[in-house]
C-alpha atoms as a PDB file:
ATOM      1  CA  MET A   1     109.180 132.761  99.309  1.00  0.00           C
ATOM      2  CA  VAL A   2     106.080 134.475  97.480  1.00  0.00           C
ATOM      3  CA  MET A   3     105.520 133.664  93.897  1.00  0.00           C
ATOM      4  CA  THR A   4     103.521 134.669  90.763  1.00  0.00           C
ATOM      5  CA  LEU A   5     102.397 133.052  88.225  1.00  0.00           C
ATOM      6  CA  LEU A   6     103.900 134.176  84.557  1.00  0.00           C
ATOM      7  CA  SER A   7     101.691 133.919  81.240  1.00  0.00           C
ATOM      8  CA  ALA A   8     102.559 134.972  77.858  1.00  0.00           C
ATOM      9  CA  MET A   9     100.510 135.024  74.794  1.00  0.00           C
ATOM     10  CA  THR A  10     101.154 135.596  70.901  1.00  0.00           C
ATOM     11  CA  ARG A  11      99.032 135.669  68.343  1.00  0.00           C
ATOM     12  CA  ARG A  12      99.179 132.272  67.639  1.00  0.00           C
ATOM     13  CA  GLY A  13      98.032 131.051  71.977  1.00  0.00           C
ATOM     14  CA  PHE A  14     100.273 131.092  74.739  1.00  0.00           C
ATOM     15  CA  LEU A  15     104.058 130.924  74.460  1.00  0.00           C
ATOM     16  CA  GLY A  16     105.994 127.803  76.312  1.00  0.00           C
ATOM     17  CA  VAL A  17     106.342 129.788  79.460  1.00  0.00           C
ATOM     18  CA  GLY A  18     104.160 127.208  80.524  1.00  0.00           C
ATOM     19  CA  GLY A  19     102.378 129.368  83.918  1.00  0.00           C
ATOM     20  CA  ALA A  20     105.673 129.398  85.528  1.00  0.00           C
ATOM     21  CA  LEU A  21     105.949 130.320  88.937  1.00  0.00           C
ATOM     22  CA  THR A  22     108.149 133.812  88.936  1.00  0.00           C
ATOM     23  CA  VAL A  23     110.077 135.401  91.892  1.00  0.00           C
ATOM     24  CA  SER A  24     110.472 138.627  89.446  1.00  0.00           C
ATOM     25  CA  VAL A  25     109.535 139.852  85.850  1.00  0.00           C
ATOM     26  CA  VAL A  26     111.383 142.869  84.062  1.00  0.00           C
ATOM     27  CA  LEU A  27     109.474 144.081  81.064  1.00  0.00           C
ATOM     28  CA  PRO A  28     110.605 146.643  78.557  1.00  0.00           C
ATOM     29  CA  GLY A  29     108.033 149.182  79.162  1.00  0.00           C
ATOM     30  CA  ILE A  30     107.841 151.852  76.742  1.00  0.00           C
ATOM     31  CA  GLU A  31     109.076 154.692  79.190  1.00  0.00           C
ATOM     32  CA  GLY A  32     112.104 152.068  80.247  1.00  0.00           C
ATOM     33  CA  TYR A  33     112.319 148.994  81.616  1.00  0.00           C
ATOM     34  CA  TYR A  34     110.237 148.220  84.842  1.00  0.00           C
ATOM     35  CA  GLY A  35     110.341 145.282  87.567  1.00  0.00           C
ATOM     36  CA  ILE A  36     107.223 143.508  88.890  1.00  0.00           C
ATOM     37  CA  LEU A  37     107.187 141.218  92.479  1.00  0.00           C
ATOM     38  CA  ALA A  38     104.554 138.891  93.352  1.00  0.00           C
ATOM     39  CA  GLY A  39     101.526 141.062  95.276  1.00  0.00           C
ATOM     40  CA  HIS A  40     102.338 144.085  92.930  1.00  0.00           C
ATOM     41  CA  ALA A  41      99.111 146.462  92.340  1.00  0.00           C
ATOM     42  CA  PRO A  42      97.114 145.490  89.362  1.00  0.00           C
ATOM     43  CA  ALA A  43      98.355 147.297  86.010  1.00  0.00           C
ATOM     44  CA  ILE A  44      97.910 147.277  82.597  1.00  0.00           C
ATOM     45  CA  SER A  45     101.204 148.630  80.523  1.00  0.00           C
ATOM     46  CA  ALA A  46     102.244 148.973  76.975  1.00  0.00           C
ATOM     47  CA  LEU A  47     105.674 146.905  75.970  1.00  0.00           C
ATOM     48  CA  LYS A  48     108.287 147.928  73.465  1.00  0.00           C
ATOM     49  CA  PRO A  49     110.339 145.695  71.515  1.00  0.00           C
ATOM     50  CA  GLY A  50     112.718 144.454  74.115  1.00  0.00           C
ATOM     51  CA  LEU A  51     113.729 141.320  76.571  1.00  0.00           C
ATOM     52  CA  VAL A  52     111.103 140.175  79.461  1.00  0.00           C
ATOM     53  CA  GLU A  53     113.331 138.394  81.480  1.00  0.00           C
ATOM     54  CA  TYR A  54     112.160 136.322  85.055  1.00  0.00           C
ATOM     55  CA  VAL A  55     113.525 134.630  87.984  1.00  0.00           C
ATOM     56  CA  ASN A  56     111.646 131.252  88.240  1.00  0.00           C
ATOM     57  CA  SER A  57     111.019 129.182  91.465  1.00  0.00           C
ATOM     58  CA  ASN A  58     114.587 127.663  91.382  1.00  0.00           C
ATOM     59  CA  ASN A  59     116.120 130.344  90.830  1.00  0.00           C
ATOM     60  CA  GLU A  60     116.876 130.529  87.514  1.00  0.00           C
ATOM     61  CA  ARG A  61     116.682 133.403  85.343  1.00  0.00           C
ATOM     62  CA  HIS A  62     115.205 133.328  81.573  1.00  0.00           C
ATOM     63  CA  VAL A  63     114.917 135.669  78.797  1.00  0.00           C
ATOM     64  CA  ILE A  64     112.265 136.082  76.716  1.00  0.00           C
ATOM     65  CA  ALA A  65     112.497 138.216  73.259  1.00  0.00           C
ATOM     66  CA  VAL A  66     109.510 140.344  72.473  1.00  0.00           C
ATOM     67  CA  SER A  67     108.449 142.752  69.483  1.00  0.00           C
ATOM     68  CA  GLY A  68     105.739 145.060  71.614  1.00  0.00           C
ATOM     69  CA  GLY A  69     102.463 144.164  73.140  1.00  0.00           C
ATOM     70  CA  PHE A  70     100.956 144.872  76.610  1.00  0.00           C
ATOM     71  CA  ALA A  71     101.611 143.316  80.017  1.00  0.00           C
ATOM     72  CA  GLU A  72      98.370 142.960  82.244  1.00  0.00           C
ATOM     73  CA  VAL A  73      99.434 142.552  86.448  1.00  0.00           C
END
């Protein structure tokens, strides 16, 4: 199974995701939600307020609320 590393940063520092190995990530882009899988092409995207959902290496689904920002793949 191919995985990618997820990190989340806030104004106060890194969020408690702790560099989780993920199978997939769904982000709230300004033009709608979109998914990221391991090996995705590099990209930078603006985020709107919403939920970031990710599936970790144990196949557990996690959700983080964001108030906007940017995502870098």
